[in-house]
Structures are given as structure tokens and as C-alpha cells.
PDB file of N, CA and C in Angstrom:
ATOM      1  N   MET A   1      34.353   0.280  59.304  1.00  0.00           N
ATOM      2  CA  MET A   1      34.642   0.341  57.888  1.00  0.00           C
ATOM      3  C   MET A   1      33.347   0.361  57.082  1.00  0.00           C
ATOM      4  N   GLN A   2      33.375   1.165  56.049  1.00  0.00           N
ATOM      5  CA  GLN A   2      32.218   1.234  55.164  1.00  0.00           C
ATOM      6  C   GLN A   2      32.416   0.273  54.006  1.00  0.00           C
ATOM      7  N   LYS A   3      31.322  -0.342  53.622  1.00  0.00           N
ATOM      8  CA  LYS A   3      31.364  -1.209  52.443  1.00  0.00           C
ATOM      9  C   LYS A   3      31.144  -0.356  51.211  1.00  0.00           C
ATOM     10  N   LYS A   4      31.861  -0.680  50.188  1.00  0.00           N
ATOM     11  CA  LYS A   4      31.652   0.000  48.911  1.00  0.00           C
ATOM     12  C   LYS A   4      30.576  -0.764  48.153  1.00  0.00           C
ATOM     13  N   ASN A   5      29.561  -0.061  47.749  1.00  0.00           N
ATOM     14  CA  ASN A   5      28.493  -0.677  46.966  1.00  0.00           C
ATOM     15  C   ASN A   5      28.754  -0.393  45.488  1.00  0.00           C
ATOM     16  N   SER A   6      29.654  -1.126  44.925  1.00  0.00           N
ATOM     17  CA  SER A   6      29.960  -0.921  43.523  1.00  0.00           C
ATOM     18  C   SER A   6      29.535  -2.155  42.732  1.00  0.00           C
ATOM     19  N   ILE A   7      29.130  -1.901  41.529  1.00  0.00           N
ATOM     20  CA  ILE A   7      28.702  -2.987  40.655  1.00  0.00           C
ATOM     21  C   ILE A   7      29.915  -3.746  40.140  1.00  0.00           C
ATOM     22  N   ILE A   8      30.961  -3.023  39.828  1.00  0.00           N
ATOM     23  CA  ILE A   8      32.158  -3.641  39.281  1.00  0.00           C
ATOM     24  C   ILE A   8      33.055  -4.084  40.436  1.00  0.00           C
ATOM     25  N   PRO A   9      33.298  -5.388  40.522  1.00  0.00           N
ATOM     26  CA  PRO A   9      34.181  -5.845  41.595  1.00  0.00           C
ATOM     27  C   PRO A   9      35.622  -5.429  41.295  1.00  0.00           C
ATOM     28  N   SER A  10      36.353  -5.149  42.331  1.00  0.00           N
ATOM     29  CA  SER A  10      37.742  -4.749  42.121  1.00  0.00           C
ATOM     30  C   SER A  10      38.625  -6.002  42.149  1.00  0.00           C
ATOM     31  N   PHE A  11      39.535  -6.042  41.220  1.00  0.00           N
ATOM     32  CA  PHE A  11      40.471  -7.146  41.122  1.00  0.00           C
ATOM     33  C   PHE A  11      41.875  -6.590  41.220  1.00  0.00           C
ATOM     34  N   SER A  12      42.715  -7.350  41.829  1.00  0.00           N
ATOM     35  CA  SER A  12      44.109  -6.924  41.901  1.00  0.00           C
ATOM     36  C   SER A  12      44.918  -7.697  40.867  1.00  0.00           C
ATOM     37  N   PHE A  13      46.048  -7.159  40.564  1.00  0.00           N
ATOM     38  CA  PHE A  13      46.922  -7.812  39.603  1.00  0.00           C
ATOM     39  C   PHE A  13      47.356  -9.185  40.106  1.00  0.00           C
ATOM     40  N   ASP A  14      47.530  -9.321  41.403  1.00  0.00           N
ATOM     41  CA  ASP A  14      47.922 -10.617  41.977  1.00  0.00           C
ATOM     42  C   ASP A  14      46.874 -11.687  41.713  1.00  0.00           C
ATOM     43  N   GLN A  15      45.597 -11.307  41.796  1.00  0.00           N
ATOM     44  CA  GLN A  15      44.539 -12.267  41.504  1.00  0.00           C
ATOM     45  C   GLN A  15      44.586 -12.703  40.041  1.00  0.00           C
ATOM     46  N   PHE A  16      44.891 -11.767  39.167  1.00  0.00           N
ATOM     47  CA  PHE A  16      45.010 -12.123  37.753  1.00  0.00           C
ATOM     48  C   PHE A  16      46.198 -13.044  37.502  1.00  0.00           C
ATOM     49  N   VAL A  17      47.275 -12.807  38.209  1.00  0.00           N
ATOM     50  CA  VAL A  17      48.466 -13.646  38.037  1.00  0.00           C
ATOM     51  C   VAL A  17      48.192 -15.066  38.542  1.00  0.00           C
ATOM     52  N   LYS A  18      47.459 -15.179  39.642  1.00  0.00           N
ATOM     53  CA  LYS A  18      47.178 -16.495  40.205  1.00  0.00           C
ATOM     54  C   LYS A  18      46.226 -17.297  39.316  1.00  0.00           C
ATOM     55  N   GLU A  19      45.280 -16.604  38.704  1.00  0.00           N
ATOM     56  CA  GLU A  19      44.287 -17.299  37.874  1.00  0.00           C
ATOM     57  C   GLU A  19      44.181 -16.603  36.504  1.00  0.00           C
ATOM     58  N   PRO A  20      45.131 -16.885  35.604  1.00  0.00           N
ATOM     59  CA  PRO A  20      45.142 -16.187  34.316  1.00  0.00           C
ATOM     60  C   PRO A  20      43.955 -16.555  33.414  1.00  0.00           C
ATOM     61  N   VAL A  21      43.409 -17.750  33.584  1.00  0.00           N
ATOM     62  CA  VAL A  21      42.271 -18.141  32.756  1.00  0.00           C
ATOM     63  C   VAL A  21      41.055 -17.275  33.093  1.00  0.00           C
ATOM     64  N   LYS A  22      40.811 -17.070  34.374  1.00  0.00           N
ATOM     65  CA  LYS A  22      39.702 -16.213  34.785  1.00  0.00           C
ATOM     66  C   LYS A  22      39.926 -14.776  34.331  1.00  0.00           C
ATOM     67  N   ALA A  23      41.155 -14.319  34.386  1.00  0.00           N
ATOM     68  CA  ALA A  23      41.465 -12.962  33.931  1.00  0.00           C
ATOM     69  C   ALA A  23      41.186 -12.830  32.433  1.00  0.00           C
ATOM     70  N   PHE A  24      41.616 -13.834  31.684  1.00  0.00           N
ATOM     71  CA  PHE A  24      41.377 -13.830  30.238  1.00  0.00           C
ATOM     72  C   PHE A  24      39.876 -13.857  29.938  1.00  0.00           C
ATOM     73  N   LEU A  25      39.133 -14.656  30.669  1.00  0.00           N
ATOM     74  CA  LEU A  25      37.695 -14.737  30.465  1.00  0.00           C
ATOM     75  C   LEU A  25      37.009 -13.403  30.797  1.00  0.00           C
ATOM     76  N   LEU A  26      37.462 -12.744  31.842  1.00  0.00           N
ATOM     77  CA  LEU A  26      36.900 -11.445  32.209  1.00  0.00           C
ATOM     78  C   LEU A  26      37.158 -10.413  31.114  1.00  0.00           C
ATOM     79  N   ILE A  27      38.362 -10.383  30.620  1.00  0.00           N
ATOM     80  CA  ILE A  27      38.709  -9.438  29.549  1.00  0.00           C
ATOM     81  C   ILE A  27      37.917  -9.771  28.288  1.00  0.00           C
ATOM     82  N   THR A  28      37.792 -11.052  27.987  1.00  0.00           N
ATOM     83  CA  THR A  28      37.034 -11.478  26.810  1.00  0.00           C
ATOM     84  C   THR A  28      35.565 -11.095  26.944  1.00  0.00           C
ATOM     85  N   LEU A  29      35.009 -11.305  28.122  1.00  0.00           N
ATOM     86  CA  LEU A  29      33.615 -10.934  28.358  1.00  0.00           C
ATOM     87  C   LEU A  29      33.397  -9.434  28.189  1.00  0.00           C
ATOM     88  N   ALA A  30      34.312  -8.642  28.672  1.00  0.00           N
ATOM     89  CA  ALA A  30      34.210  -7.187  28.521  1.00  0.00           C
ATOM     90  C   ALA A  30      34.273  -6.798  27.041  1.00  0.00           C
ATOM     91  N   ALA A  31      35.171  -7.436  26.290  1.00  0.00           N
ATOM     92  CA  ALA A  31      35.304  -7.126  24.860  1.00  0.00           C
ATOM     93  C   ALA A  31      34.043  -7.523  24.098  1.00  0.00           C
ATOM     94  N   ILE A  32      33.504  -8.690  24.403  1.00  0.00           N
ATOM     95  CA  ILE A  32      32.282  -9.143  23.726  1.00  0.00           C
ATOM     96  C   ILE A  32      31.119  -8.218  24.061  1.00  0.00           C
ATOM     97  N   GLY A  33      31.025  -7.805  25.312  1.00  0.00           N
ATOM     98  CA  GLY A  33      29.970  -6.869  25.699  1.00  0.00           C
ATOM     99  C   GLY A  33      30.072  -5.557  24.947  1.00  0.00           C
ATOM    100  N   TYR A  34      31.282  -5.042  24.835  1.00  0.00           N
ATOM    101  CA  TYR A  34      31.490  -3.790  24.098  1.00  0.00           C
ATOM    102  C   TYR A  34      31.094  -3.959  22.633  1.00  0.00           C
ATOM    103  N   LEU A  35      31.534  -5.047  22.004  1.00  0.00           N
ATOM    104  CA  LEU A  35      31.221  -5.270  20.598  1.00  0.00           C
ATOM    105  C   LEU A  35      29.723  -5.449  20.376  1.00  0.00           C
ATOM    106  N   TYR A  36      29.051  -6.091  21.307  1.00  0.00           N
ATOM    107  CA  TYR A  36      27.604  -6.284  21.199  1.00  0.00           C
ATOM    108  C   TYR A  36      26.872  -4.939  21.238  1.00  0.00           C
ATOM    109  N   ILE A  37      27.226  -4.116  22.189  1.00  0.00           N
ATOM    110  CA  ILE A  37      26.585  -2.801  22.313  1.00  0.00           C
ATOM    111  C   ILE A  37      26.892  -1.939  21.103  1.00  0.00           C
ATOM    112  N   ASP A  38      28.130  -1.984  20.637  1.00  0.00           N
ATOM    113  CA  ASP A  38      28.528  -1.204  19.472  1.00  0.00           C
ATOM    114  C   ASP A  38      27.751  -1.640  18.230  1.00  0.00           C
ATOM    115  N   SER A  39      27.593  -2.936  18.046  1.00  0.00           N
ATOM    116  CA  SER A  39      26.862  -3.419  16.872  1.00  0.00           C
ATOM    117  C   SER A  39      25.392  -3.025  16.932  1.00  0.00           C
ATOM    118  N   LYS A  40      24.796  -3.038  18.120  1.00  0.00           N
ATOM    119  CA  LYS A  40      23.398  -2.626  18.254  1.00  0.00           C
ATOM    120  C   LYS A  40      23.233  -1.146  17.923  1.00  0.00           C
ATOM    121  N   MET A  41      24.177  -0.327  18.334  1.00  0.00           N
ATOM    122  CA  MET A  41      24.107   1.104  18.039  1.00  0.00           C
ATOM    123  C   MET A  41      24.239   1.338  16.533  1.00  0.00           C
ATOM    124  N   GLN A  42      25.165   0.639  15.897  1.00  0.00           N
ATOM    125  CA  GLN A  42      25.345   0.801  14.460  1.00  0.00           C
ATOM    126  C   GLN A  42      24.131   0.277  13.705  1.00  0.00           C
ATOM    127  N   TYR A  43      23.531  -0.794  14.188  1.00  0.00           N
ATOM    128  CA  TYR A  43      22.344  -1.364  13.559  1.00  0.00           C
ATOM    129  C   TYR A  43      21.200  -0.356  13.597  1.00  0.00           C
ATOM    130  N   GLY A  44      21.032   0.320  14.715  1.00  0.00           N
ATOM    131  CA  GLY A  44      19.984   1.337  14.830  1.00  0.00           C
ATOM    132  C   GLY A  44      20.205   2.495  13.875  1.00  0.00           C
ATOM    133  N   GLU A  45      21.448   2.940  13.756  1.00  0.00           N
ATOM    134  CA  GLU A  45      21.776   4.028  12.833  1.00  0.00           C
ATOM    135  C   GLU A  45      21.518   3.598  11.394  1.00  0.00           C
ATOM    136  N   LEU A  46      21.863   2.367  11.080  1.00  0.00           N
ATOM    137  CA  LEU A  46      21.660   1.858   9.722  1.00  0.00           C
ATOM    138  C   LEU A  46      20.173   1.802   9.384  1.00  0.00           C
ATOM    139  N   ILE A  47      19.352   1.371  10.323  1.00  0.00           N
ATOM    140  CA  ILE A  47      17.911   1.314  10.092  1.00  0.00           C
ATOM    141  C   ILE A  47      17.360   2.714   9.830  1.00  0.00           C
ATOM    142  N   GLU A  48      17.818   3.686  10.592  1.00  0.00           N
ATOM    143  CA  GLU A  48      17.348   5.063  10.414  1.00  0.00           C
ATOM    144  C   GLU A  48      17.740   5.603   9.039  1.00  0.00           C
ATOM    145  N   LYS A  49      18.990   5.369   8.634  1.00  0.00           N
ATOM    146  CA  LYS A  49      19.445   5.837   7.319  1.00  0.00           C
ATOM    147  C   LYS A  49      18.668   5.167   6.195  1.00  0.00           C
ATOM    148  N   GLN A  50      18.435   3.864   6.322  1.00  0.00           N
ATOM    149  CA  GLN A  50      17.704   3.149   5.281  1.00  0.00           C
ATOM    150  C   GLN A  50      16.250   3.618   5.214  1.00  0.00           C
ATOM    151  N   GLY A  51      15.668   3.954   6.356  1.00  0.00           N
ATOM    152  CA  GLY A  51      14.302   4.483   6.373  1.00  0.00           C
ATOM    153  C   GLY A  51      14.205   5.794   5.608  1.00  0.00           C
ATOM    154  N   GLN A  52      15.190   6.663   5.801  1.00  0.00           N
ATOM    155  CA  GLN A  52      15.205   7.932   5.077  1.00  0.00           C
ATOM    156  C   GLN A  52      15.373   7.695   3.578  1.00  0.00           C
ATOM    157  N   LYS A  53      16.229   6.755   3.230  1.00  0.00           N
ATOM    158  CA  LYS A  53      16.467   6.444   1.824  1.00  0.00           C
ATOM    159  C   LYS A  53      15.197   5.877   1.184  1.00  0.00           C
ATOM    160  N   ILE A  54      14.489   5.034   1.899  1.00  0.00           N
ATOM    161  CA  ILE A  54      13.245   4.455   1.387  1.00  0.00           C
ATOM    162  C   ILE A  54      12.208   5.543   1.135  1.00  0.00           C
ATOM    163  N   GLU A  55      12.103   6.504   2.048  1.00  0.00           N
ATOM    164  CA  GLU A  55      11.154   7.603   1.862  1.00  0.00           C
ATOM    165  C   GLU A  55      11.464   8.400   0.593  1.00  0.00           C
ATOM    166  N   LYS A  56      12.740   8.674   0.351  1.00  0.00           N
ATOM    167  CA  LYS A  56      13.128   9.406  -0.856  1.00  0.00           C
ATOM    168  C   LYS A  56      12.783   8.607  -2.107  1.00  0.00           C
ATOM    169  N   LEU A  57      13.061   7.302  -2.069  1.00  0.00           N
ATOM    170  CA  LEU A  57      12.787   6.462  -3.236  1.00  0.00           C
ATOM    171  C   LEU A  57      11.288   6.330  -3.488  1.00  0.00           C
ATOM    172  N   GLU A  58      10.496   6.269  -2.435  1.00  0.00           N
ATOM    173  CA  GLU A  58       9.043   6.210  -2.605  1.00  0.00           C
ATOM    174  C   GLU A  58       8.519   7.487  -3.241  1.00  0.00           C
ATOM    175  N   ALA A  59       9.088   8.632  -2.869  1.00  0.00           N
ATOM    176  CA  ALA A  59       8.688   9.906  -3.479  1.00  0.00           C
ATOM    177  C   ALA A  59       9.031   9.912  -4.969  1.00  0.00           C
ATOM    178  N   LYS A  60      10.207   9.387  -5.312  1.00  0.00           N
ATOM    179  CA  LYS A  60      10.596   9.319  -6.727  1.00  0.00           C
ATOM    180  C   LYS A  60       9.670   8.385  -7.500  1.00  0.00           C
ATOM    181  N   ILE A  61       9.299   7.267  -6.892  1.00  0.00           N
ATOM    182  CA  ILE A  61       8.395   6.322  -7.553  1.00  0.00           C
ATOM    183  C   ILE A  61       7.044   6.977  -7.813  1.00  0.00           C
ATOM    184  N   ASP A  62       6.535   7.719  -6.831  1.00  0.00           N
ATOM    185  CA  ASP A  62       5.256   8.411  -7.007  1.00  0.00           C
ATOM    186  C   ASP A  62       5.331   9.425  -8.151  1.00  0.00           C
ATOM    187  N   GLU A  63       6.428  10.169  -8.202  1.00  0.00           N
ATOM    188  CA  GLU A  63       6.595  11.167  -9.262  1.00  0.00           C
ATOM    189  C   GLU A  63       6.679  10.498 -10.632  1.00  0.00           C
ATOM    190  N   LEU A  64       7.455   9.427 -10.730  1.00  0.00           N
ATOM    191  CA  LEU A  64       7.603   8.736 -12.010  1.00  0.00           C
ATOM    192  C   LEU A  64       6.302   8.061 -12.434  1.00  0.00           C
ATOM    193  N   THR A  65       5.537   7.551 -11.489  1.00  0.00           N
ATOM    194  CA  THR A  65       4.239   6.947 -11.804  1.00  0.00           C
ATOM    195  C   THR A  65       3.296   7.990 -12.367  1.00  0.00           C
ATOM    196  N   SER A  66       3.310   9.172 -11.779  1.00  0.00           N
ATOM    197  CA  SER A  66       2.477  10.267 -12.269  1.00  0.00           C
ATOM    198  C   SER A  66       2.876  10.657 -13.690  1.00  0.00           C
ATOM    199  N   GLN A  67       4.158  10.754 -13.934  1.00  0.00           N
ATOM    200  CA  GLN A  67       4.642  11.100 -15.277  1.00  0.00           C
ATOM    201  C   GLN A  67       4.282  10.013 -16.283  1.00  0.00           C
ATOM    202  N   LEU A  68       4.349   8.769 -15.874  1.00  0.00           N
ATOM    203  CA  LEU A  68       4.004   7.658 -16.758  1.00  0.00           C
ATOM    204  C   LEU A  68       2.520   7.699 -17.130  1.00  0.00           C
ATOM    205  N   LYS A  69       1.664   8.014 -16.160  1.00  0.00           N
ATOM    206  CA  LYS A  69       0.230   8.112 -16.437  1.00  0.00           C
ATOM    207  C   LYS A  69      -0.050   9.227 -17.440  1.00  0.00           C
ATOM    208  N   LYS A  70       0.629  10.371 -17.258  1.00  0.00           N
ATOM    209  CA  LYS A  70       0.458  11.485 -18.195  1.00  0.00           C
ATOM    210  C   LYS A  70       0.916  11.077 -19.590  1.00  0.00           C
ATOM    211  N   SER A  71       2.046  10.388 -19.644  1.00  0.00           N
ATOM    212  CA  SER A  71       2.584   9.949 -20.928  1.00  0.00           C
ATOM    213  C   SER A  71       1.637   8.963 -21.608  1.00  0.00           C
ATOM    214  N   ASP A  72       1.071   8.045 -20.848  1.00  0.00           N
ATOM    215  CA  ASP A  72       0.118   7.092 -21.412  1.00  0.00           C
ATOM    216  C   ASP A  72      -1.127   7.798 -21.937  1.00  0.00           C
ATOM    217  N   SER A  73      -1.592   8.786 -21.208  1.00  0.00           N
ATOM    218  CA  SER A  73      -2.773   9.547 -21.640  1.00  0.00           C
ATOM    219  C   SER A  73      -2.495  10.285 -22.940  1.00  0.00           C
ATOM    220  N   ILE A  74      -1.336  10.906 -23.022  1.00  0.00           N
ATOM    221  CA  ILE A  74      -0.961  11.636 -24.243  1.00  0.00           C
ATOM    222  C   ILE A  74      -0.814  10.678 -25.415  1.00  0.00           C
ATOM    223  N   ALA A  75      -0.209   9.519 -25.173  1.00  0.00           N
ATOM    224  CA  ALA A  75      -0.035   8.532 -26.241  1.00  0.00           C
ATOM    225  C   ALA A  75      -1.387   8.009 -26.717  1.00  0.00           C
ATOM    226  N   ALA A  76      -2.301   7.760 -25.799  1.00  0.00           N
ATOM    227  CA  ALA A  76      -3.635   7.272 -26.177  1.00  0.00           C
ATOM    228  C   ALA A  76      -4.382   8.329 -26.979  1.00  0.00           C
ATOM    229  N   ALA A  77      -4.295   9.576 -26.566  1.00  0.00           N
ATOM    230  CA  ALA A  77      -4.977  10.654 -27.281  1.00  0.00           C
ATOM    231  C   ALA A  77      -4.392  10.821 -28.681  1.00  0.00           C
ATOM    232  N   THR A  78      -3.094  10.765 -28.785  1.00  0.00           N
ATOM    233  CA  THR A  78      -2.436  10.904 -30.081  1.00  0.00           C
ATOM    234  C   THR A  78      -2.811   9.754 -31.004  1.00  0.00           C
ATOM    235  N   THR A  79      -2.844   8.550 -30.472  1.00  0.00           N
ATOM    236  CA  THR A  79      -3.204   7.379 -31.268  1.00  0.00           C
ATOM    237  C   THR A  79      -4.634   7.484 -31.775  1.00  0.00           C
ATOM    238  N   SER A  80      -5.550   7.901 -30.920  1.00  0.00           N
ATOM    239  CA  SER A  80      -6.948   8.029 -31.355  1.00  0.00           C
ATOM    240  C   SER A  80      -7.094   9.123 -32.410  1.00  0.00           C
ATOM    241  N   ARG A  81      -6.338  10.201 -32.304  1.00  0.00           N
ATOM    242  CA  ARG A  81      -6.382  11.259 -33.333  1.00  0.00           C
ATOM    243  C   ARG A  81      -5.853  10.752 -34.671  1.00  0.00           C
ATOM    244  N   LEU A  82      -4.762   9.969 -34.598  1.00  0.00           N
ATOM    245  CA  LEU A  82      -4.208   9.415 -35.837  1.00  0.00           C
ATOM    246  C   LEU A  82      -5.196   8.463 -36.497  1.00  0.00           C
ATOM    247  N   ILE A  83      -5.850   7.641 -35.703  1.00  0.00           N
ATOM    248  CA  ILE A  83      -6.835   6.708 -36.257  1.00  0.00           C
ATOM    249  C   ILE A  83      -7.988   7.485 -36.901  1.00  0.00           C
ATOM    250  N   LEU A  84      -8.434   8.531 -36.211  1.00  0.00           N
ATOM    251  CA  LEU A  84      -9.525   9.356 -36.738  1.00  0.00           C
ATOM    252  C   LEU A  84      -9.123  10.024 -38.041  1.00  0.00           C
ATOM    253  N   LEU A  85      -7.917  10.558 -38.102  1.00  0.00           N
ATOM    254  CA  LEU A  85      -7.455  11.212 -39.335  1.00  0.00           C
ATOM    255  C   LEU A  85      -7.300  10.202 -40.467  1.00  0.00           C
ATOM    256  N   GLN A  86      -6.873   8.988 -40.144  1.00  0.00           N
ATOM    257  CA  GLN A  86      -6.758   7.947 -41.166  1.00  0.00           C
ATOM    258  C   GLN A  86      -8.149   7.576 -41.706  1.00  0.00           C
ATOM    259  N   GLU A  87      -9.121   7.481 -40.809  1.00  0.00           N
ATOM    260  CA  GLU A  87     -10.479   7.122 -41.240  1.00  0.00           C
ATOM    261  C   GLU A  87     -11.102   8.234 -42.081  1.00  0.00           C
ATOM    262  N   LEU A  88     -10.756   9.464 -41.785  1.00  0.00           N
ATOM    263  CA  LEU A  88     -11.279  10.570 -42.582  1.00  0.00           C
ATOM    264  C   LEU A  88     -10.525  10.758 -43.898  1.00  0.00           C
ATOM    265  N   GLY A  89      -9.431  10.042 -44.031  1.00  0.00           N
ATOM    266  CA  GLY A  89      -8.676  10.113 -45.272  1.00  0.00           C
ATOM    267  C   GLY A  89      -7.724  11.281 -45.321  1.00  0.00           C
ATOM    268  N   LYS A  90      -7.493  11.943 -44.240  1.00  0.00           N
ATOM    269  CA  LYS A  90      -6.598  13.085 -44.218  1.00  0.00           C
ATOM    270  C   LYS A  90      -5.125  12.649 -44.313  1.00  0.00           C
ATOM    271  N   ILE A  91      -4.821  11.486 -43.749  1.00  0.00           N
ATOM    272  CA  ILE A  91      -3.451  10.964 -43.857  1.00  0.00           C
ATOM    273  C   ILE A  91      -3.515   9.504 -44.269  1.00  0.00           C
ATOM    274  N   LYS A  92      -2.442   9.042 -44.854  1.00  0.00           N
ATOM    275  CA  LYS A  92      -2.391   7.657 -45.299  1.00  0.00           C
ATOM    276  C   LYS A  92      -1.459   6.863 -44.442  1.00  0.00           C
TER     277      LYS A  92
END
């Protein structure tokens, strides 16, 4: 007779009937293992999606910072022109 080299031991229904607590524990262990692996896979996908979202938001921040600098420069130039015109008496 050849031995089967399998990782998963085979159980018969009779063994489960004789020891229902062990059967319940085996089923529970399988369910917990599945849920653990599933949560790790979803966690990895979530990290990837959030990374992409962060990259998009960083690009928007860079663009808005650039626009803000331009706006500040224009405001400073306009203010200095107004002050100069006031000093020259062109406007009151």
C-alpha cells in the first residue's frame, strides 16, 4: 500500500459524529483562516487605492500652491502700484 502524502488529513463523518467538539473546532479554524486571509487581501487593496488617492491629492496641492504664489505676487505688485500712485497724488 502506498501512503498518501497529503497536507490535509482526511476525516470521516463517523469521526465527526463521535467527537462533535473537535469537528466544530476544525470548521471554526477553517473559517477563521479564510477570514484572516480575506482581510489581508482587502487590506492590501485598500492601501494601494489610498496610495493612488494620495498621489492625486498631492498633485492638486502642488497646483494650488503654485496658483496661490502667483496670486500673492500679483496682489503685492498691485498694492505697491496703488501706494505709488497715492504718493504721486494720482489717486486719493
